[in-house]
Every structure is written in C-alpha cells, then in structure tokens.
C-alpha atoms as a PDB file:
ATOM      1  CA  MET A   1      23.520 180.916 106.308  1.00  0.00           C
ATOM      2  CA  SER A   2      22.194 177.411 106.655  1.00  0.00           C
ATOM      3  CA  ILE A   3      25.000 174.858 106.642  1.00  0.00           C
ATOM      4  CA  GLN A   4      23.247 171.707 107.713  1.00  0.00           C
ATOM      5  CA  GLY A   5      25.108 169.207 105.565  1.00  0.00           C
ATOM      6  CA  ASN A   6      23.681 166.934 102.908  1.00  0.00           C
ATOM      7  CA  CYS A   7      24.445 163.610 104.513  1.00  0.00           C
ATOM      8  CA  PRO A   8      22.465 161.977 107.317  1.00  0.00           C
ATOM      9  CA  VAL A   9      24.222 162.055 110.637  1.00  0.00           C
ATOM     10  CA  ILE A  10      24.531 158.375 111.424  1.00  0.00           C
ATOM     11  CA  THR A  11      27.115 156.761 113.632  1.00  0.00           C
ATOM     12  CA  PRO A  12      27.572 153.343 111.995  1.00  0.00           C
ATOM     13  CA  GLU A  13      29.178 151.695 115.021  1.00  0.00           C
ATOM     14  CA  GLY A  14      27.308 148.449 114.477  1.00  0.00           C
ATOM     15  CA  ASN A  15      28.485 148.120 110.870  1.00  0.00           C
ATOM     16  CA  ARG A  16      32.112 149.127 111.174  1.00  0.00           C
ATOM     17  CA  LYS A  17      34.815 146.523 110.740  1.00  0.00           C
ATOM     18  CA  PRO A  18      37.495 146.395 113.442  1.00  0.00           C
ATOM     19  CA  LEU A  19      40.371 148.742 112.627  1.00  0.00           C
ATOM     20  CA  VAL A  20      42.859 145.896 112.264  1.00  0.00           C
ATOM     21  CA  GLU A  21      40.684 144.313 109.573  1.00  0.00           C
ATOM     22  CA  ILE A  22      40.256 147.620 107.752  1.00  0.00           C
ATOM     23  CA  GLU A  23      44.003 148.199 107.671  1.00  0.00           C
ATOM     24  CA  ARG A  24      44.791 144.627 106.661  1.00  0.00           C
ATOM     25  CA  SER A  25      42.274 144.778 103.799  1.00  0.00           C
ATOM     26  CA  ILE A  26      44.214 147.604 102.123  1.00  0.00           C
ATOM     27  CA  ILE A  27      47.130 145.295 101.329  1.00  0.00           C
ATOM     28  CA  THR A  28      45.096 142.097 100.956  1.00  0.00           C
ATOM     29  CA  LYS A  29      41.505 142.370  99.732  1.00  0.00           C
ATOM     30  CA  PHE A  30      42.003 145.787  98.070  1.00  0.00           C
ATOM     31  CA  ARG A  31      45.653 145.490  97.142  1.00  0.00           C
ATOM     32  CA  HIS A  32      45.142 145.345  93.367  1.00  0.00           C
ATOM     33  CA  LYS A  33      42.254 147.812  93.236  1.00  0.00           C
ATOM     34  CA  VAL A  34      43.539 150.423  95.682  1.00  0.00           C
ATOM     35  CA  TYR A  35      47.019 150.031  97.149  1.00  0.00           C
ATOM     36  CA  SER A  36      48.898 149.012  93.984  1.00  0.00           C
ATOM     37  CA  PRO A  37      47.457 151.881  91.871  1.00  0.00           C
ATOM     38  CA  PHE A  38      48.361 154.273  94.699  1.00  0.00           C
ATOM     39  CA  VAL A  39      51.981 153.089  94.718  1.00  0.00           C
ATOM     40  CA  ARG A  40      52.136 153.045  90.911  1.00  0.00           C
ATOM     41  CA  ALA A  41      51.024 156.676  90.625  1.00  0.00           C
ATOM     42  CA  ILE A  42      53.651 157.710  93.174  1.00  0.00           C
ATOM     43  CA  ARG A  43      56.295 155.855  91.154  1.00  0.00           C
ATOM     44  CA  ASP A  44      55.141 156.903  87.663  1.00  0.00           C
ATOM     45  CA  PHE A  45      54.838 160.593  88.467  1.00  0.00           C
ATOM     46  CA  LYS A  46      57.643 160.806  91.061  1.00  0.00           C
ATOM     47  CA  LEU A  47      55.259 162.206  93.663  1.00  0.00           C
ATOM     48  CA  ILE A  48      57.318 161.428  96.789  1.00  0.00           C
ATOM     49  CA  LYS A  49      61.054 161.700  97.387  1.00  0.00           C
ATOM     50  CA  ASP A  50      63.331 161.093 100.346  1.00  0.00           C
ATOM     51  CA  GLY A  51      63.109 163.982 102.792  1.00  0.00           C
ATOM     52  CA  ASP A  52      59.592 165.070 101.824  1.00  0.00           C
ATOM     53  CA  LYS A  53      57.156 166.172 104.490  1.00  0.00           C
ATOM     54  CA  ILE A  54      53.640 165.748 103.155  1.00  0.00           C
ATOM     55  CA  ALA A  55      50.454 167.363 104.398  1.00  0.00           C
ATOM     56  CA  VAL A  56      47.637 164.899 103.662  1.00  0.00           C
ATOM     57  CA  ALA A  57      44.393 166.857 103.371  1.00  0.00           C
ATOM     58  CA  ILE A  58      41.342 165.116 104.840  1.00  0.00           C
ATOM     59  CA  SER A  59      37.926 166.571 104.081  1.00  0.00           C
ATOM     60  CA  GLY A  60      36.146 163.665 105.752  1.00  0.00           C
ATOM     61  CA  GLY A  61      34.862 162.289 102.462  1.00  0.00           C
ATOM     62  CA  LYS A  62      35.444 158.762 101.216  1.00  0.00           C
ATOM     63  CA  ASP A  63      38.424 159.669  99.022  1.00  0.00           C
ATOM     64  CA  SER A  64      40.472 161.515 101.623  1.00  0.00           C
ATOM     65  CA  LEU A  65      39.775 159.006 104.401  1.00  0.00           C
ATOM     66  CA  LEU A  66      41.109 156.211 102.211  1.00  0.00           C
ATOM     67  CA  MET A  67      44.074 158.359 101.148  1.00  0.00           C
ATOM     68  CA  ALA A  68      45.034 158.872 104.784  1.00  0.00           C
ATOM     69  CA  LYS A  69      45.025 155.123 105.415  1.00  0.00           C
ATOM     70  CA  LEU A  70      47.015 154.523 102.222  1.00  0.00           C
ATOM     71  CA  PHE A  71      49.696 156.926 103.408  1.00  0.00           C
ATOM     72  CA  GLN A  72      49.876 155.112 106.731  1.00  0.00           C
ATOM     73  CA  GLU A  73      50.393 151.814 104.922  1.00  0.00           C
ATOM     74  CA  LEU A  74      52.974 153.384 102.607  1.00  0.00           C
ATOM     75  CA  LYS A  75      54.912 154.613 105.645  1.00  0.00           C
ATOM     76  CA  ARG A  76      54.996 151.055 106.971  1.00  0.00           C
ATOM     77  CA  HIS A  77      56.121 149.379 103.754  1.00  0.00           C
ATOM     78  CA  SER A  78      57.985 151.924 101.603  1.00  0.00           C
ATOM     79  CA  ASN A  79      61.738 152.429 101.384  1.00  0.00           C
ATOM     80  CA  ILE A  80      61.189 156.138 100.753  1.00  0.00           C
ATOM     81  CA  LYS A  81      62.017 158.192 103.844  1.00  0.00           C
ATOM     82  CA  PHE A  82      59.278 160.784 104.234  1.00  0.00           C
ATOM     83  CA  GLU A  83      57.100 162.349 106.940  1.00  0.00           C
ATOM     84  CA  VAL A  84      53.352 162.867 107.001  1.00  0.00           C
ATOM     85  CA  GLU A  85      51.066 165.371 108.697  1.00  0.00           C
ATOM     86  CA  PHE A  86      47.318 164.835 108.446  1.00  0.00           C
ATOM     87  CA  ILE A  87      45.382 168.092 108.206  1.00  0.00           C
ATOM     88  CA  SER A  88      41.622 168.627 108.216  1.00  0.00           C
ATOM     89  CA  MET A  89      39.957 171.967 107.696  1.00  0.00           C
ATOM     90  CA  ASP A  90      36.547 172.743 109.181  1.00  0.00           C
ATOM     91  CA  PRO A  91      35.017 175.234 106.708  1.00  0.00           C
ATOM     92  CA  GLY A  92      31.954 175.708 108.898  1.00  0.00           C
ATOM     93  CA  TYR A  93      30.396 172.295 109.401  1.00  0.00           C
ATOM     94  CA  HIS A  94      27.224 171.808 111.396  1.00  0.00           C
ATOM     95  CA  SER A  95      28.193 170.505 114.846  1.00  0.00           C
ATOM     96  CA  ASP A  96      26.707 167.058 114.121  1.00  0.00           C
ATOM     97  CA  ILE A  97      28.671 166.798 110.871  1.00  0.00           C
ATOM     98  CA  LYS A  98      31.886 167.770 112.640  1.00  0.00           C
ATOM     99  CA  LYS A  99      31.177 165.229 115.387  1.00  0.00           C
ATOM    100  CA  LEU A 100      30.799 162.440 112.817  1.00  0.00           C
ATOM    101  CA  HIS A 101      34.018 163.552 111.111  1.00  0.00           C
ATOM    102  CA  ILE A 102      35.983 163.436 114.373  1.00  0.00           C
ATOM    103  CA  GLU A 103      34.499 160.033 115.244  1.00  0.00           C
ATOM    104  CA  ASN A 104      35.666 158.665 111.884  1.00  0.00           C
ATOM    105  CA  LEU A 105      39.170 160.064 112.344  1.00  0.00           C
ATOM    106  CA  ASN A 106      39.449 158.634 115.839  1.00  0.00           C
ATOM    107  CA  TYR A 107      38.104 155.233 114.841  1.00  0.00           C
ATOM    108  CA  LEU A 108      40.475 154.998 111.867  1.00  0.00           C
ATOM    109  CA  ASN A 109      43.405 156.124 114.018  1.00  0.00           C
ATOM    110  CA  ILE A 110      44.162 159.170 111.868  1.00  0.00           C
ATOM    111  CA  PRO A 111      45.806 161.835 114.068  1.00  0.00           C
ATOM    112  CA  ALA A 112      44.682 164.921 112.153  1.00  0.00           C
ATOM    113  CA  HIS A 113      45.289 168.601 112.872  1.00  0.00           C
ATOM    114  CA  ILE A 114      41.750 170.043 112.708  1.00  0.00           C
ATOM    115  CA  PHE A 115      41.565 173.793 112.126  1.00  0.00           C
ATOM    116  CA  GLU A 116      38.709 176.202 111.427  1.00  0.00           C
ATOM    117  CA  SER A 117      38.429 178.551 108.465  1.00  0.00           C
ATOM    118  CA  LYS A 118      34.745 179.696 108.287  1.00  0.00           C
ATOM    119  CA  ILE A 119      34.943 179.415 104.505  1.00  0.00           C
ATOM    120  CA  PHE A 120      31.256 178.481 104.123  1.00  0.00           C
ATOM    121  CA  GLU A 121      30.288 181.756 105.798  1.00  0.00           C
ATOM    122  CA  VAL A 122      32.640 183.846 103.649  1.00  0.00           C
ATOM    123  CA  VAL A 123      31.629 182.150 100.389  1.00  0.00           C
ATOM    124  CA  ASP A 124      27.935 182.612 101.098  1.00  0.00           C
ATOM    125  CA  ARG A 125      28.559 186.322 101.664  1.00  0.00           C
ATOM    126  CA  ILE A 126      30.787 187.140  98.670  1.00  0.00           C
ATOM    127  CA  ALA A 127      30.141 184.431  96.061  1.00  0.00           C
ATOM    128  CA  LYS A 128      26.481 183.468  96.052  1.00  0.00           C
ATOM    129  CA  ASP A 129      26.402 182.840  92.302  1.00  0.00           C
ATOM    130  CA  TYR A 130      29.563 180.724  92.056  1.00  0.00           C
ATOM    131  CA  PRO A 131      30.069 179.199  95.514  1.00  0.00           C
ATOM    132  CA  CYS A 132      31.842 175.975  94.509  1.00  0.00           C
ATOM    133  CA  TYR A 133      34.566 177.736  92.517  1.00  0.00           C
ATOM    134  CA  MET A 134      35.310 180.231  95.285  1.00  0.00           C
ATOM    135  CA  CYS A 135      35.047 177.580  98.009  1.00  0.00           C
ATOM    136  CA  ALA A 136      37.564 175.350  96.225  1.00  0.00           C
ATOM    137  CA  ARG A 137      40.049 178.217  95.826  1.00  0.00           C
ATOM    138  CA  MET A 138      39.734 179.299  99.457  1.00  0.00           C
ATOM    139  CA  ARG A 139      40.006 175.731 100.735  1.00  0.00           C
ATOM    140  CA  ARG A 140      43.180 175.190  98.712  1.00  0.00           C
ATOM    141  CA  GLY A 141      44.735 178.369 100.092  1.00  0.00           C
ATOM    142  CA  ALA A 142      43.842 177.462 103.673  1.00  0.00           C
ATOM    143  CA  LEU A 143      45.316 173.976 103.248  1.00  0.00           C
ATOM    144  CA  TYR A 144      48.542 175.354 101.772  1.00  0.00           C
ATOM    145  CA  ASN A 145      48.851 177.780 104.683  1.00  0.00           C
ATOM    146  CA  LYS A 146      48.410 175.019 107.240  1.00  0.00           C
ATOM    147  CA  ALA A 147      50.865 172.766 105.391  1.00  0.00           C
ATOM    148  CA  LYS A 148      53.482 175.541 105.396  1.00  0.00           C
ATOM    149  CA  GLU A 149      52.841 176.172 109.085  1.00  0.00           C
ATOM    150  CA  LEU A 150      53.621 172.506 109.799  1.00  0.00           C
ATOM    151  CA  GLY A 151      56.833 172.626 107.765  1.00  0.00           C
ATOM    152  CA  CYS A 152      55.538 170.551 104.846  1.00  0.00           C
ATOM    153  CA  ASN A 153      56.745 170.904 101.283  1.00  0.00           C
ATOM    154  CA  LYS A 154      53.906 168.965  99.645  1.00  0.00           C
ATOM    155  CA  LEU A 155      50.121 168.901  99.911  1.00  0.00           C
ATOM    156  CA  ALA A 156      48.325 165.659  98.968  1.00  0.00           C
ATOM    157  CA  LEU A 157      44.734 165.799  97.717  1.00  0.00           C
ATOM    158  CA  GLY A 158      42.405 162.838  97.194  1.00  0.00           C
ATOM    159  CA  HIS A 159      41.384 163.302  93.553  1.00  0.00           C
ATOM    160  CA  HIS A 160      41.023 159.977  91.741  1.00  0.00           C
ATOM    161  CA  TYR A 161      40.883 158.501  88.209  1.00  0.00           C
ATOM    162  CA  ASP A 162      37.238 159.407  87.667  1.00  0.00           C
ATOM    163  CA  ASP A 163      37.878 162.997  88.759  1.00  0.00           C
ATOM    164  CA  VAL A 164      40.541 163.200  86.044  1.00  0.00           C
ATOM    165  CA  ILE A 165      38.354 162.028  83.164  1.00  0.00           C
ATOM    166  CA  GLU A 166      35.382 164.083  84.353  1.00  0.00           C
ATOM    167  CA  THR A 167      37.593 167.183  84.472  1.00  0.00           C
ATOM    168  CA  ILE A 168      38.713 166.593  80.885  1.00  0.00           C
ATOM    169  CA  LEU A 169      35.110 166.372  79.661  1.00  0.00           C
ATOM    170  CA  LEU A 170      33.974 169.327  81.800  1.00  0.00           C
ATOM    171  CA  ASN A 171      36.642 171.509  80.190  1.00  0.00           C
ATOM    172  CA  VAL A 172      35.895 170.313  76.654  1.00  0.00           C
ATOM    173  CA  LEU A 173      32.111 170.506  76.882  1.00  0.00           C
ATOM    174  CA  TYR A 174      31.560 173.507  79.151  1.00  0.00           C
ATOM    175  CA  SER A 175      34.730 175.631  78.914  1.00  0.00           C
ATOM    176  CA  GLY A 176      35.820 175.053  75.335  1.00  0.00           C
ATOM    177  CA  ASN A 177      39.376 174.027  76.202  1.00  0.00           C
ATOM    178  CA  PHE A 178      41.376 170.861  76.684  1.00  0.00           C
ATOM    179  CA  LYS A 179      42.842 170.610  80.176  1.00  0.00           C
ATOM    180  CA  THR A 180      43.262 167.757  82.568  1.00  0.00           C
ATOM    181  CA  MET A 181      43.797 167.449  86.309  1.00  0.00           C
ATOM    182  CA  MET A 182      47.567 167.120  86.725  1.00  0.00           C
ATOM    183  CA  PRO A 183      49.084 164.420  89.001  1.00  0.00           C
ATOM    184  CA  LYS A 184      51.338 167.081  90.495  1.00  0.00           C
ATOM    185  CA  LEU A 185      51.931 170.794  90.117  1.00  0.00           C
ATOM    186  CA  LYS A 186      53.937 173.547  91.761  1.00  0.00           C
ATOM    187  CA  ALA A 187      51.981 176.024  93.857  1.00  0.00           C
ATOM    188  CA  LYS A 188      51.925 179.477  92.269  1.00  0.00           C
ATOM    189  CA  ASN A 189      51.364 181.493  95.436  1.00  0.00           C
ATOM    190  CA  PHE A 190      53.191 179.316  97.970  1.00  0.00           C
ATOM    191  CA  GLU A 191      56.904 179.164  97.274  1.00  0.00           C
ATOM    192  CA  GLY A 192      58.477 175.741  97.655  1.00  0.00           C
ATOM    193  CA  MET A 193      55.118 173.969  97.893  1.00  0.00           C
ATOM    194  CA  GLU A 194      53.910 171.261  95.536  1.00  0.00           C
ATOM    195  CA  LEU A 195      50.471 169.681  95.158  1.00  0.00           C
ATOM    196  CA  ILE A 196      50.324 165.922  94.547  1.00  0.00           C
ATOM    197  CA  ARG A 197      47.461 163.558  93.687  1.00  0.00           C
ATOM    198  CA  PRO A 198      48.590 160.008  94.583  1.00  0.00           C
ATOM    199  CA  MET A 199      45.111 158.506  93.992  1.00  0.00           C
ATOM    200  CA  TYR A 200      45.356 159.405  90.304  1.00  0.00           C
ATOM    201  CA  TYR A 201      44.971 155.787  89.123  1.00  0.00           C
ATOM    202  CA  ILE A 202      42.329 154.641  91.636  1.00  0.00           C
ATOM    203  CA  ARG A 203      38.770 154.165  90.365  1.00  0.00           C
ATOM    204  CA  GLU A 204      35.976 155.768  92.344  1.00  0.00           C
ATOM    205  CA  ARG A 205      33.958 152.543  92.468  1.00  0.00           C
ATOM    206  CA  HIS A 206      36.857 150.804  94.206  1.00  0.00           C
ATOM    207  CA  ILE A 207      37.029 153.581  96.799  1.00  0.00           C
ATOM    208  CA  GLU A 208      33.299 153.099  97.401  1.00  0.00           C
ATOM    209  CA  GLN A 209      33.798 149.345  97.748  1.00  0.00           C
ATOM    210  CA  PHE A 210      36.500 149.880 100.374  1.00  0.00           C
ATOM    211  CA  ILE A 211      34.382 152.335 102.378  1.00  0.00           C
ATOM    212  CA  GLN A 212      31.383 149.988 102.277  1.00  0.00           C
ATOM    213  CA  TYR A 213      33.548 147.082 103.400  1.00  0.00           C
ATOM    214  CA  ALA A 214      34.981 149.154 106.253  1.00  0.00           C
ATOM    215  CA  GLY A 215      31.497 150.246 107.350  1.00  0.00           C
ATOM    216  CA  ILE A 216      32.548 153.878 107.612  1.00  0.00           C
ATOM    217  CA  TRP A 217      30.031 156.665 107.008  1.00  0.00           C
ATOM    218  CA  PRO A 218      32.024 159.447 105.291  1.00  0.00           C
ATOM    219  CA  LEU A 219      30.991 163.067 104.859  1.00  0.00           C
ATOM    220  CA  ASN A 220      29.639 164.419 101.591  1.00  0.00           C
ATOM    221  CA  CYS A 221      30.208 168.038 100.560  1.00  0.00           C
ATOM    222  CA  ALA A 222      28.237 169.153 103.667  1.00  0.00           C
ATOM    223  CA  CYS A 223      27.435 172.500 102.041  1.00  0.00           C
ATOM    224  CA  MET A 224      23.766 173.259 101.486  1.00  0.00           C
ATOM    225  CA  VAL A 225      24.675 176.304  99.392  1.00  0.00           C
ATOM    226  CA  ALA A 226      26.105 174.012  96.747  1.00  0.00           C
ATOM    227  CA  ALA A 227      23.289 171.508  97.125  1.00  0.00           C
ATOM    228  CA  GLU A 228      20.630 174.193  96.614  1.00  0.00           C
ATOM    229  CA  LYS A 229      22.246 176.360  93.933  1.00  0.00           C
ATOM    230  CA  ILE A 230      24.385 174.114  91.757  1.00  0.00           C
ATOM    231  CA  GLY A 231      22.872 171.651  89.303  1.00  0.00           C
ATOM    232  CA  ASN A 232      26.244 169.983  89.601  1.00  0.00           C
ATOM    233  CA  LYS A 233      27.794 169.640  86.146  1.00  0.00           C
ATOM    234  CA  ARG A 234      30.092 166.900  87.386  1.00  0.00           C
ATOM    235  CA  TYR A 235      27.093 164.658  88.058  1.00  0.00           C
ATOM    236  CA  GLU A 236      25.856 165.355  84.545  1.00  0.00           C
ATOM    237  CA  ILE A 237      29.245 164.267  83.208  1.00  0.00           C
ATOM    238  CA  LYS A 238      29.089 161.088  85.300  1.00  0.00           C
ATOM    239  CA  GLU A 239      25.758 160.240  83.691  1.00  0.00           C
ATOM    240  CA  LEU A 240      27.131 161.022  80.244  1.00  0.00           C
ATOM    241  CA  ILE A 241      30.068 158.653  80.745  1.00  0.00           C
ATOM    242  CA  LYS A 242      27.733 155.957  82.073  1.00  0.00           C
ATOM    243  CA  ASN A 243      25.616 156.235  78.924  1.00  0.00           C
ATOM    244  CA  LEU A 244      28.673 156.222  76.644  1.00  0.00           C
ATOM    245  CA  LYS A 245      29.874 152.999  78.297  1.00  0.00           C
ATOM    246  CA  LYS A 246      26.773 151.193  77.048  1.00  0.00           C
ATOM    247  CA  ASN A 247      28.211 151.248  73.523  1.00  0.00           C
ATOM    248  CA  PHE A 248      31.909 151.689  74.275  1.00  0.00           C
ATOM    249  CA  GLU A 249      33.126 149.779  77.327  1.00  0.00           C
ATOM    250  CA  ASP A 250      36.606 151.352  77.387  1.00  0.00           C
ATOM    251  CA  VAL A 251      35.471 154.951  76.969  1.00  0.00           C
ATOM    252  CA  GLU A 252      36.905 155.988  80.359  1.00  0.00           C
ATOM    253  CA  LYS A 253      40.312 154.577  79.505  1.00  0.00           C
ATOM    254  CA  SER A 254      40.308 156.437  76.180  1.00  0.00           C
ATOM    255  CA  ILE A 255      39.375 159.739  77.825  1.00  0.00           C
ATOM    256  CA  PHE A 256      42.094 159.273  80.455  1.00  0.00           C
ATOM    257  CA  LYS A 257      44.756 158.461  77.842  1.00  0.00           C
ATOM    258  CA  SER A 258      43.766 161.376  75.621  1.00  0.00           C
ATOM    259  CA  ALA A 259      45.650 163.750  77.913  1.00  0.00           C
ATOM    260  CA  GLN A 260      48.782 161.616  77.564  1.00  0.00           C
ATOM    261  CA  ASN A 261      48.647 161.374  73.779  1.00  0.00           C
ATOM    262  CA  VAL A 262      48.141 164.952  72.590  1.00  0.00           C
ATOM    263  CA  ASN A 263      49.532 165.396  69.056  1.00  0.00           C
ATOM    264  CA  LEU A 264      50.588 169.043  68.660  1.00  0.00           C
ATOM    265  CA  ASP A 265      50.801 168.557  64.894  1.00  0.00           C
ATOM    266  CA  SER A 266      47.015 168.188  64.914  1.00  0.00           C
ATOM    267  CA  ILE A 267      46.181 171.031  67.306  1.00  0.00           C
ATOM    268  CA  ILE A 268      45.006 174.436  66.014  1.00  0.00           C
ATOM    269  CA  GLY A 269      46.090 176.364  69.094  1.00  0.00           C
ATOM    270  CA  TRP A 270      47.655 175.817  72.484  1.00  0.00           C
ATOM    271  CA  GLN A 271      48.940 177.682  75.512  1.00  0.00           C
ATOM    272  CA  LYS A 272      52.333 177.385  77.189  1.00  0.00           C
ATOM    273  CA  ASP A 273      53.504 179.365  80.233  1.00  0.00           C
ATOM    274  CA  GLY A 274      50.633 181.808  79.813  1.00  0.00           C
ATOM    275  CA  LYS A 275      51.361 182.523  76.132  1.00  0.00           C
ATOM    276  CA  LYS A 276      49.014 181.446  73.344  1.00  0.00           C
ATOM    277  CA  TYR A 277      50.289 179.833  70.133  1.00  0.00           C
ATOM    278  CA  SER A 278      48.680 179.049  66.770  1.00  0.00           C
ATOM    279  CA  PHE A 279      49.627 176.320  64.332  1.00  0.00           C
ATOM    280  CA  LEU A 280      50.022 179.085  61.720  1.00  0.00           C
ATOM    281  CA  GLU A 281      53.146 180.336  63.486  1.00  0.00           C
ATOM    282  CA  PHE A 282      54.874 177.059  62.656  1.00  0.00           C
ATOM    283  CA  TYR A 283      53.056 176.140  59.434  1.00  0.00           C
ATOM    284  CA  GLU A 284      55.805 177.241  57.034  1.00  0.00           C
ATOM    285  CA  GLU A 285      58.676 175.665  58.994  1.00  0.00           C
END
C-alpha cells in the first residue's frame, strides 16, 4: 500500500506567526468570524456542560488544528467547568507527514495523545472499492475508544458550516434522502459517549483565513487511496454551490436553514427511531 500523502511536506518555519500572536488573533482579529460562532454553537446546542471531559480529535488538518486552539481559548475565558484531552490518531501516515503533524502540534502548544491504528492498511485490504466510508467509520471507532480510555464523556470533531450544507446536498442528490450533519449525537456503540461539533457555525473560508494568517501548513487527507480512487463527490458539491451562488448569493444560508425548518405536513415519508412513516398513516386524522 502506498500512503505517501497528498500534501507537500514543507516546514513553513519562515512564514509562521509567533504563537502568542496566533493565540491573540483568535479573540481579536478572528473573534467575529471564528471564536464567536464557536461559542454560539456551544450555547445554542448545549454542547458543553459543567463536569464534561472532552476528547478533542485532531487529524492535523486545518479544521481540527483551529478547533484545538479554540478549546484552549474557551478554557481560559469560559465559566463552564470542563476538562479537555487532545487526541490524535495516526492511521498510517508516511513518516514525513507524521513529522510535519508533530511539528505543528508542538509549535501550536497542543499537548496531544498520539496513537497508532494502521487504519489505512486495513482499509486498503478490506475496502478497496469504498475506502473513505470504511476509513471514516474505523477512525470514529478508534477515536471513541481512545476517548473512553482517557475517561472522556464527549468526543469533539471539527466539522464546520460548509460540511453541514454539503452533507445535506450529498444526501439529497446522491442518496435520495434528506439528512443533515447533527451538531451533537449520542454514540450508538459507546455507552455514555456523545459526539459534538462545536465548529458548526464556522465558515470554511474563515478557517482558511486563520490558517493562512498563522502560517501553519496543515495536513490534507494524506491518503493516496482516496486521492486515486475517489472522484470526491464533496468537491463536486462545492463546485455546485459556488455556481449556484452566482445567481443566489444566500444559497448556503438557505440550505443550512432547510434542516431547521422541515414541515412534516409537507413531507411524503420520514423515519423516526428506525421506523418508517408515510403521510397516508395520518391523512385521515
């Protein structure tokens, strides 16, 4: 299996801002674009409560690196009493990719528990035709296991606003159903564990702006199996949304709100707790 990574291995030491400036920018320069939406999602969806111990999952990508720094700032400024453990799974990175990842963590002062899983190797062996789906499931399970091992009751993932609207369109256009990416959900196979997405309101372009300002070179997927075999549907959806915006500037906002304004009186069928329902069952009521 050839896991070489799809991002150039560059150590951007000459471009990186000093850590103190990076941290200060979160609550100054990027307060309205990044920090405030982060806090608002936590408040709106009740993602964190007193006594929580949260495992913050860091893949090394732009989203999770920012999420880790946001949690550090939240710890400094929030009245909520909670604990944080930063966890980072190595699914089988090339040594140069892993080196860059560790350099980023050290530079950003993120004390992460790095653990190996060899998921890339397993996925390439058993799921050649659908590697991304299987990889995502195995990653999630490995992260839950590590979170439980560290005594955490919640696992935080770095999905953002654009991930939410892209997921809605992916389900509608390719799966023939209407589902969104939930801001929080209870783990089915890990009792007492809950998954939370505190970056739910943060736009991807603002994450990119922060990373560019900081001068950090984050990891991409780092899996050549996905790069070679998947004509990534999510990128197709991104292009579709970009084209739709040419004639409808607020299209992203409308897609996002559609999952909050579902009218069951105008739905032919739906599913609840694993059971399917039809409007006909209630038509004569």
